[in-house]
Full PDB file with SEQRES, HELIX, SHEET, SSBOND, CRYST1, ORIGX, SCALE, CONECT and MASTER records, all heavy atoms in Angstrom:
SEQRES   1 A   31  GLN SER ASN ASN LEU GLU SER ILE GLU GLY VAL ILE VAL          
SEQRES   2 A   31  ALA GLY ILE GLY LEU LEU ALA PHE HIS ASP GLU ALA GLU          
SEQRES   3 A   31  GLN SER TYR LYS ARG                                          
HELIX    1 AA1 LEU A    5  SER A    7  5                                   3    
HELIX    2 AA2 ALA A   25  LYS A   30  1                                   6    
SHEET    1 AA1 2 GLY A  10  VAL A  13  0                                        
SHEET    2 AA1 2 GLY A  17  ALA A  20 -1                                        
CRYST1    1.000    1.000    1.000  90.00  90.00  90.00 P 1           1          
ORIGX1      1.000000  0.000000  0.000000        0.00000                         
ORIGX2      0.000000  1.000000  0.000000        0.00000                         
ORIGX3      0.000000  0.000000  1.000000        0.00000                         
SCALE1      1.000000  0.000000  0.000000        0.00000                         
SCALE2      0.000000  1.000000  0.000000        0.00000                         
SCALE3      0.000000  0.000000  1.000000        0.00000                         
ATOM      1  N   GLN A   1      54.244  -6.653  30.984  1.00  0.00           N  
ATOM      2  CA  GLN A   1      54.449  -7.644  32.014  1.00  0.00           C  
ATOM      3  C   GLN A   1      54.974  -7.050  33.294  1.00  0.00           C  
ATOM      4  O   GLN A   1      54.782  -7.590  34.389  1.00  0.00           O  
ATOM      5  CB  GLN A   1      55.413  -8.735  31.506  1.00  0.00           C  
ATOM      6  CG  GLN A   1      54.822  -9.586  30.394  1.00  0.00           C  
ATOM      7  CD  GLN A   1      55.841 -10.592  29.859  1.00  0.00           C  
ATOM      8  OE1 GLN A   1      56.981 -10.632  30.276  1.00  0.00           O  
ATOM      9  NE2 GLN A   1      55.405 -11.388  28.907  1.00  0.00           N  
ATOM     10  N   SER A   2      55.640  -5.877  33.207  1.00  0.00           N  
ATOM     11  CA  SER A   2      56.259  -5.295  34.373  1.00  0.00           C  
ATOM     12  C   SER A   2      55.510  -4.099  34.908  1.00  0.00           C  
ATOM     13  O   SER A   2      56.019  -3.349  35.754  1.00  0.00           O  
ATOM     14  CB  SER A   2      57.713  -4.876  34.045  1.00  0.00           C  
ATOM     15  OG  SER A   2      57.733  -3.960  32.961  1.00  0.00           O  
ATOM     16  N   ASN A   3      54.262  -3.854  34.446  1.00  0.00           N  
ATOM     17  CA  ASN A   3      53.495  -2.747  34.881  1.00  0.00           C  
ATOM     18  C   ASN A   3      52.080  -3.147  35.267  1.00  0.00           C  
ATOM     19  O   ASN A   3      51.525  -4.092  34.722  1.00  0.00           O  
ATOM     20  CB  ASN A   3      53.393  -1.661  33.774  1.00  0.00           C  
ATOM     21  CG  ASN A   3      54.656  -0.822  33.678  1.00  0.00           C  
ATOM     22  OD1 ASN A   3      54.804   0.187  34.350  1.00  0.00           O  
ATOM     23  ND2 ASN A   3      55.577  -1.278  32.826  1.00  0.00           N  
ATOM     24  N   ASN A   4      51.521  -2.414  36.202  1.00  0.00           N  
ATOM     25  CA  ASN A   4      50.138  -2.621  36.645  1.00  0.00           C  
ATOM     26  C   ASN A   4      49.230  -1.786  35.765  1.00  0.00           C  
ATOM     27  O   ASN A   4      49.221  -0.546  35.838  1.00  0.00           O  
ATOM     28  CB  ASN A   4      49.956  -2.199  38.122  1.00  0.00           C  
ATOM     29  CG  ASN A   4      48.538  -2.412  38.606  1.00  0.00           C  
ATOM     30  OD1 ASN A   4      47.692  -2.901  37.871  1.00  0.00           O  
ATOM     31  ND2 ASN A   4      48.291  -2.028  39.833  1.00  0.00           N  
ATOM     32  N   LEU A   5      48.456  -2.459  34.894  1.00  0.00           N  
ATOM     33  CA  LEU A   5      47.674  -1.735  33.897  1.00  0.00           C  
ATOM     34  C   LEU A   5      46.461  -1.013  34.495  1.00  0.00           C  
ATOM     35  O   LEU A   5      45.830  -0.204  33.807  1.00  0.00           O  
ATOM     36  CB  LEU A   5      47.179  -2.705  32.815  1.00  0.00           C  
ATOM     37  CG  LEU A   5      48.232  -3.210  31.830  1.00  0.00           C  
ATOM     38  CD1 LEU A   5      47.578  -3.985  30.705  1.00  0.00           C  
ATOM     39  CD2 LEU A   5      49.070  -2.081  31.262  1.00  0.00           C  
ATOM     40  N   GLU A   6      46.157  -1.264  35.763  1.00  0.00           N  
ATOM     41  CA  GLU A   6      45.000  -0.606  36.356  1.00  0.00           C  
ATOM     42  C   GLU A   6      45.164   0.907  36.404  1.00  0.00           C  
ATOM     43  O   GLU A   6      44.203   1.662  36.386  1.00  0.00           O  
ATOM     44  CB  GLU A   6      44.755  -1.134  37.772  1.00  0.00           C  
ATOM     45  CG  GLU A   6      44.235  -2.581  37.805  1.00  0.00           C  
ATOM     46  CD  GLU A   6      43.944  -3.050  39.186  1.00  0.00           C  
ATOM     47  OE1 GLU A   6      44.054  -2.208  40.137  1.00  0.00           O  
ATOM     48  OE2 GLU A   6      43.579  -4.221  39.354  1.00  0.00           O  
ATOM     49  N   SER A   7      46.415   1.388  36.459  1.00  0.00           N  
ATOM     50  CA  SER A   7      46.672   2.821  36.510  1.00  0.00           C  
ATOM     51  C   SER A   7      47.126   3.387  35.175  1.00  0.00           C  
ATOM     52  O   SER A   7      47.437   4.560  35.081  1.00  0.00           O  
ATOM     53  CB  SER A   7      47.762   3.089  37.567  1.00  0.00           C  
ATOM     54  OG  SER A   7      48.964   2.444  37.240  1.00  0.00           O  
ATOM     55  N   ILE A   8      47.137   2.543  34.135  1.00  0.00           N  
ATOM     56  CA  ILE A   8      47.572   2.952  32.802  1.00  0.00           C  
ATOM     57  C   ILE A   8      46.375   3.110  31.877  1.00  0.00           C  
ATOM     58  O   ILE A   8      45.504   2.236  31.831  1.00  0.00           O  
ATOM     59  CB  ILE A   8      48.575   1.954  32.198  1.00  0.00           C  
ATOM     60  CG1 ILE A   8      49.756   1.748  33.136  1.00  0.00           C  
ATOM     61  CG2 ILE A   8      49.028   2.411  30.831  1.00  0.00           C  
ATOM     62  CD1 ILE A   8      50.609   2.961  33.350  1.00  0.00           C  
ATOM     63  N   GLU A   9      46.299   4.219  31.161  1.00  0.00           N  
ATOM     64  CA  GLU A   9      45.157   4.493  30.286  1.00  0.00           C  
ATOM     65  C   GLU A   9      45.458   4.256  28.805  1.00  0.00           C  
ATOM     66  O   GLU A   9      44.550   4.133  27.996  1.00  0.00           O  
ATOM     67  CB  GLU A   9      44.677   5.927  30.479  1.00  0.00           C  
ATOM     68  CG  GLU A   9      44.224   6.263  31.894  1.00  0.00           C  
ATOM     69  CD  GLU A   9      43.900   7.724  32.065  1.00  0.00           C  
ATOM     70  OE1 GLU A   9      43.391   8.325  31.106  1.00  0.00           O  
ATOM     71  OE2 GLU A   9      44.171   8.273  33.142  1.00  0.00           O  
ATOM     72  N   GLY A  10      46.728   4.253  28.471  1.00  0.00           N  
ATOM     73  CA  GLY A  10      47.061   4.062  27.051  1.00  0.00           C  
ATOM     74  C   GLY A  10      48.564   3.878  26.853  1.00  0.00           C  
ATOM     75  O   GLY A  10      49.347   3.868  27.799  1.00  0.00           O  
ATOM     76  N   VAL A  11      48.918   3.723  25.563  1.00  0.00           N  
ATOM     77  CA  VAL A  11      50.323   3.548  25.189  1.00  0.00           C  
ATOM     78  C   VAL A  11      50.609   4.466  24.022  1.00  0.00           C  
ATOM     79  O   VAL A  11      49.864   4.524  23.062  1.00  0.00           O  
ATOM     80  CB  VAL A  11      50.570   2.075  24.717  1.00  0.00           C  
ATOM     81  CG1 VAL A  11      52.040   1.928  24.329  1.00  0.00           C  
ATOM     82  CG2 VAL A  11      50.221   1.074  25.820  1.00  0.00           C  
ATOM     83  N   ILE A  12      51.688   5.222  24.133  1.00  0.00           N  
ATOM     84  CA  ILE A  12      52.186   6.059  23.064  1.00  0.00           C  
ATOM     85  C   ILE A  12      53.281   5.282  22.342  1.00  0.00           C  
ATOM     86  O   ILE A  12      54.267   4.863  22.986  1.00  0.00           O  
ATOM     87  CB  ILE A  12      52.752   7.403  23.543  1.00  0.00           C  
ATOM     88  CG1 ILE A  12      51.651   8.248  24.236  1.00  0.00           C  
ATOM     89  CG2 ILE A  12      53.403   8.161  22.436  1.00  0.00           C  
ATOM     90  CD1 ILE A  12      50.606   8.760  23.275  1.00  0.00           C  
ATOM     91  N   VAL A  13      53.108   5.021  21.044  1.00  0.00           N  
ATOM     92  CA  VAL A  13      54.109   4.296  20.277  1.00  0.00           C  
ATOM     93  C   VAL A  13      54.756   5.247  19.298  1.00  0.00           C  
ATOM     94  O   VAL A  13      54.088   5.799  18.418  1.00  0.00           O  
ATOM     95  CB  VAL A  13      53.443   3.103  19.517  1.00  0.00           C  
ATOM     96  CG1 VAL A  13      54.535   2.295  18.822  1.00  0.00           C  
ATOM     97  CG2 VAL A  13      52.655   2.226  20.488  1.00  0.00           C  
ATOM     98  N   ALA A  14      56.020   5.492  19.449  1.00  0.00           N  
ATOM     99  CA  ALA A  14      56.736   6.454  18.621  1.00  0.00           C  
ATOM    100  C   ALA A  14      56.577   6.083  17.140  1.00  0.00           C  
ATOM    101  O   ALA A  14      56.752   4.917  16.760  1.00  0.00           O  
ATOM    102  CB  ALA A  14      58.217   6.472  19.010  1.00  0.00           C  
ATOM    103  N   GLY A  15      56.238   7.104  16.342  1.00  0.00           N  
ATOM    104  CA  GLY A  15      56.070   6.881  14.907  1.00  0.00           C  
ATOM    105  C   GLY A  15      54.749   6.236  14.515  1.00  0.00           C  
ATOM    106  O   GLY A  15      54.442   6.128  13.304  1.00  0.00           O  
ATOM    107  N   ILE A  16      53.928   5.836  15.482  1.00  0.00           N  
ATOM    108  CA  ILE A  16      52.685   5.104  15.216  1.00  0.00           C  
ATOM    109  C   ILE A  16      51.472   5.853  15.673  1.00  0.00           C  
ATOM    110  O   ILE A  16      50.587   6.238  14.886  1.00  0.00           O  
ATOM    111  CB  ILE A  16      52.696   3.679  15.829  1.00  0.00           C  
ATOM    112  CG1 ILE A  16      53.892   2.869  15.336  1.00  0.00           C  
ATOM    113  CG2 ILE A  16      51.379   2.990  15.588  1.00  0.00           C  
ATOM    114  CD1 ILE A  16      53.812   2.555  13.857  1.00  0.00           C  
ATOM    115  N   GLY A  17      51.373   6.119  16.982  1.00  0.00           N  
ATOM    116  CA  GLY A  17      50.192   6.801  17.505  1.00  0.00           C  
ATOM    117  C   GLY A  17      49.860   6.355  18.902  1.00  0.00           C  
ATOM    118  O   GLY A  17      50.739   5.936  19.691  1.00  0.00           O  
ATOM    119  N   LEU A  18      48.595   6.483  19.252  1.00  0.00           N  
ATOM    120  CA  LEU A  18      48.084   6.181  20.596  1.00  0.00           C  
ATOM    121  C   LEU A  18      47.279   4.889  20.556  1.00  0.00           C  
ATOM    122  O   LEU A  18      46.452   4.676  19.709  1.00  0.00           O  
ATOM    123  CB  LEU A  18      47.165   7.293  21.083  1.00  0.00           C  
ATOM    124  CG  LEU A  18      46.331   7.040  22.334  1.00  0.00           C  
ATOM    125  CD1 LEU A  18      47.224   6.951  23.583  1.00  0.00           C  
ATOM    126  CD2 LEU A  18      45.271   8.106  22.510  1.00  0.00           C  
ATOM    127  N   LEU A  19      47.548   4.048  21.580  1.00  0.00           N  
ATOM    128  CA  LEU A  19      46.715   2.876  21.793  1.00  0.00           C  
ATOM    129  C   LEU A  19      46.002   3.064  23.136  1.00  0.00           C  
ATOM    130  O   LEU A  19      46.631   3.117  24.207  1.00  0.00           O  
ATOM    131  CB  LEU A  19      47.578   1.589  21.901  1.00  0.00           C  
ATOM    132  CG  LEU A  19      48.470   1.229  20.718  1.00  0.00           C  
ATOM    133  CD1 LEU A  19      49.291  -0.004  21.011  1.00  0.00           C  
ATOM    134  CD2 LEU A  19      47.582   1.000  19.470  1.00  0.00           C  
ATOM    135  N   ALA A  20      44.699   3.287  23.065  1.00  0.00           N  
ATOM    136  CA  ALA A  20      43.845   3.352  24.256  1.00  0.00           C  
ATOM    137  C   ALA A  20      43.215   2.000  24.446  1.00  0.00           C  
ATOM    138  O   ALA A  20      42.928   1.291  23.469  1.00  0.00           O  
ATOM    139  CB  ALA A  20      42.811   4.442  24.106  1.00  0.00           C  
ATOM    140  N   PHE A  21      42.943   1.615  25.694  1.00  0.00           N  
ATOM    141  CA  PHE A  21      42.429   0.282  25.902  1.00  0.00           C  
ATOM    142  C   PHE A  21      41.564   0.202  27.150  1.00  0.00           C  
ATOM    143  O   PHE A  21      41.695   0.993  28.080  1.00  0.00           O  
ATOM    144  CB  PHE A  21      43.572  -0.752  25.995  1.00  0.00           C  
ATOM    145  CG  PHE A  21      44.642  -0.365  26.996  1.00  0.00           C  
ATOM    146  CD1 PHE A  21      44.483  -0.702  28.341  1.00  0.00           C  
ATOM    147  CD2 PHE A  21      45.794   0.295  26.619  1.00  0.00           C  
ATOM    148  CE1 PHE A  21      45.472  -0.364  29.266  1.00  0.00           C  
ATOM    149  CE2 PHE A  21      46.760   0.626  27.533  1.00  0.00           C  
ATOM    150  CZ  PHE A  21      46.626   0.284  28.867  1.00  0.00           C  
ATOM    151  N   HIS A  22      40.679  -0.791  27.153  1.00  0.00           N  
ATOM    152  CA  HIS A  22      39.809  -1.065  28.315  1.00  0.00           C  
ATOM    153  C   HIS A  22      39.028  -2.334  28.040  1.00  0.00           C  
ATOM    154  O   HIS A  22      38.945  -2.765  26.859  1.00  0.00           O  
ATOM    155  CB  HIS A  22      38.843   0.135  28.526  1.00  0.00           C  
ATOM    156  CG  HIS A  22      38.264   0.146  29.925  1.00  0.00           C  
ATOM    157  ND1 HIS A  22      37.135  -0.578  30.275  1.00  0.00           N  
ATOM    158  CD2 HIS A  22      38.589   0.873  31.030  1.00  0.00           C  
ATOM    159  CE1 HIS A  22      36.841  -0.343  31.537  1.00  0.00           C  
ATOM    160  NE2 HIS A  22      37.703   0.526  32.037  1.00  0.00           N  
ATOM    161  N   ASP A  23      38.453  -2.916  29.046  1.00  0.00           N  
ATOM    162  CA  ASP A  23      37.638  -4.092  28.830  1.00  0.00           C  
ATOM    163  C   ASP A  23      36.243  -3.755  28.336  1.00  0.00           C  
ATOM    164  O   ASP A  23      35.479  -4.634  27.923  1.00  0.00           O  
ATOM    165  CB  ASP A  23      37.519  -4.950  30.105  1.00  0.00           C  
ATOM    166  CG  ASP A  23      38.770  -5.746  30.381  1.00  0.00           C  
ATOM    167  OD1 ASP A  23      39.366  -6.228  29.405  1.00  0.00           O  
ATOM    168  OD2 ASP A  23      39.142  -5.914  31.556  1.00  0.00           O  
ATOM    169  N   GLU A  24      35.875  -2.463  28.381  1.00  0.00           N  
ATOM    170  CA  GLU A  24      34.592  -1.991  27.857  1.00  0.00           C  
ATOM    171  C   GLU A  24      34.858  -1.126  26.636  1.00  0.00           C  
ATOM    172  O   GLU A  24      35.712  -0.232  26.668  1.00  0.00           O  
ATOM    173  CB  GLU A  24      33.835  -1.198  28.923  1.00  0.00           C  
ATOM    174  CG  GLU A  24      33.501  -1.963  30.187  1.00  0.00           C  
ATOM    175  CD  GLU A  24      32.515  -3.117  29.903  1.00  0.00           C  
ATOM    176  OE1 GLU A  24      31.749  -3.013  28.945  1.00  0.00           O  
ATOM    177  OE2 GLU A  24      32.536  -4.098  30.686  1.00  0.00           O  
ATOM    178  N   ALA A  25      34.100  -1.338  25.561  1.00  0.00           N  
ATOM    179  CA  ALA A  25      34.321  -0.586  24.323  1.00  0.00           C  
ATOM    180  C   ALA A  25      34.163   0.895  24.507  1.00  0.00           C  
ATOM    181  O   ALA A  25      34.951   1.714  23.989  1.00  0.00           O  
ATOM    182  CB  ALA A  25      33.356  -1.098  23.244  1.00  0.00           C  
ATOM    183  N   GLU A  26      33.148   1.322  25.270  1.00  0.00           N  
ATOM    184  CA  GLU A  26      32.906   2.752  25.485  1.00  0.00           C  
ATOM    185  C   GLU A  26      34.041   3.416  26.219  1.00  0.00           C  
ATOM    186  O   GLU A  26      34.466   4.527  25.863  1.00  0.00           O  
ATOM    187  CB  GLU A  26      31.585   2.983  26.214  1.00  0.00           C  
ATOM    188  CG  GLU A  26      31.283   4.461  26.439  1.00  0.00           C  
ATOM    189  CD  GLU A  26      29.986   4.712  27.181  1.00  0.00           C  
ATOM    190  OE1 GLU A  26      29.367   3.728  27.650  1.00  0.00           O  
ATOM    191  OE2 GLU A  26      29.632   5.894  27.343  1.00  0.00           O  
ATOM    192  N   GLN A  27      34.554   2.724  27.241  1.00  0.00           N  
ATOM    193  CA  GLN A  27      35.633   3.299  28.042  1.00  0.00           C  
ATOM    194  C   GLN A  27      36.933   3.426  27.215  1.00  0.00           C  
ATOM    195  O   GLN A  27      37.689   4.367  27.368  1.00  0.00           O  
ATOM    196  CB  GLN A  27      35.875   2.489  29.308  1.00  0.00           C  
ATOM    197  CG  GLN A  27      34.712   2.481  30.240  1.00  0.00           C  
ATOM    198  CD  GLN A  27      34.285   3.893  30.657  1.00  0.00           C  
ATOM    199  OE1 GLN A  27      35.132   4.728  30.964  1.00  0.00           O  
ATOM    200  NE2 GLN A  27      32.998   4.139  30.635  1.00  0.00           N  
ATOM    201  N   SER A  28      37.197   2.429  26.362  1.00  0.00           N  
ATOM    202  CA  SER A  28      38.359   2.508  25.491  1.00  0.00           C  
ATOM    203  C   SER A  28      38.223   3.689  24.539  1.00  0.00           C  
ATOM    204  O   SER A  28      39.179   4.452  24.323  1.00  0.00           O  
ATOM    205  CB  SER A  28      38.522   1.206  24.724  1.00  0.00           C  
ATOM    206  OG  SER A  28      39.660   1.224  23.904  1.00  0.00           O  
ATOM    207  N   TYR A  29      37.033   3.884  23.988  1.00  0.00           N  
ATOM    208  CA  TYR A  29      36.754   5.001  23.090  1.00  0.00           C  
ATOM    209  C   TYR A  29      36.946   6.335  23.829  1.00  0.00           C  
ATOM    210  O   TYR A  29      37.579   7.256  23.344  1.00  0.00           O  
ATOM    211  CB  TYR A  29      35.364   4.899  22.525  1.00  0.00           C  
ATOM    212  CG  TYR A  29      34.922   6.078  21.710  1.00  0.00           C  
ATOM    213  CD1 TYR A  29      35.398   6.309  20.408  1.00  0.00           C  
ATOM    214  CD2 TYR A  29      34.065   7.051  22.255  1.00  0.00           C  
ATOM    215  CE1 TYR A  29      35.026   7.377  19.657  1.00  0.00           C  
ATOM    216  CE2 TYR A  29      33.681   8.154  21.518  1.00  0.00           C  
ATOM    217  CZ  TYR A  29      34.160   8.342  20.216  1.00  0.00           C  
ATOM    218  OH  TYR A  29      33.790   9.419  19.503  1.00  0.00           O  
ATOM    219  N   LYS A  30      36.410   6.440  25.045  1.00  0.00           N  
ATOM    220  CA  LYS A  30      36.541   7.643  25.844  1.00  0.00           C  
ATOM    221  C   LYS A  30      37.996   7.992  26.135  1.00  0.00           C  
ATOM    222  O   LYS A  30      38.413   9.154  26.107  1.00  0.00           O  
ATOM    223  CB  LYS A  30      35.770   7.510  27.179  1.00  0.00           C  
ATOM    224  CG  LYS A  30      34.273   7.669  27.034  1.00  0.00           C  
ATOM    225  CD  LYS A  30      33.596   7.579  28.370  1.00  0.00           C  
ATOM    226  CE  LYS A  30      32.095   7.823  28.284  1.00  0.00           C  
ATOM    227  NZ  LYS A  30      31.454   7.728  29.640  1.00  0.00           N  
ATOM    228  N   ARG A  31      38.818   6.982  26.382  1.00  0.00           N  
ATOM    229  CA  ARG A  31      40.225   7.230  26.658  1.00  0.00           C  
ATOM    230  C   ARG A  31      40.911   7.785  25.427  1.00  0.00           C  
ATOM    231  O   ARG A  31      41.829   8.608  25.521  1.00  0.00           O  
ATOM    232  CB  ARG A  31      40.914   5.956  27.115  1.00  0.00           C  
ATOM    233  CG  ARG A  31      40.555   5.536  28.537  1.00  0.00           C  
ATOM    234  CD  ARG A  31      41.276   4.256  28.958  1.00  0.00           C  
ATOM    235  NE  ARG A  31      41.100   3.986  30.375  1.00  0.00           N  
ATOM    236  CZ  ARG A  31      41.656   2.976  31.021  1.00  0.00           C  
ATOM    237  NH1 ARG A  31      42.431   2.130  30.364  1.00  0.00           N  
ATOM    238  NH2 ARG A  31      41.453   2.812  32.302  1.00  0.00           N  
TER     239      ARG A  31                                                      
MASTER        0    0    0    2    2    0    0    6  238    1    0    3          
END                                                                             
């Protein structure tokens, strides 16, 4: 809620892993 996601490519969650995201499936996979 407090960040502009346009400049964010993913989320690192401690103990869990990487969450990559996009509105297009291919771009999310590429990230």
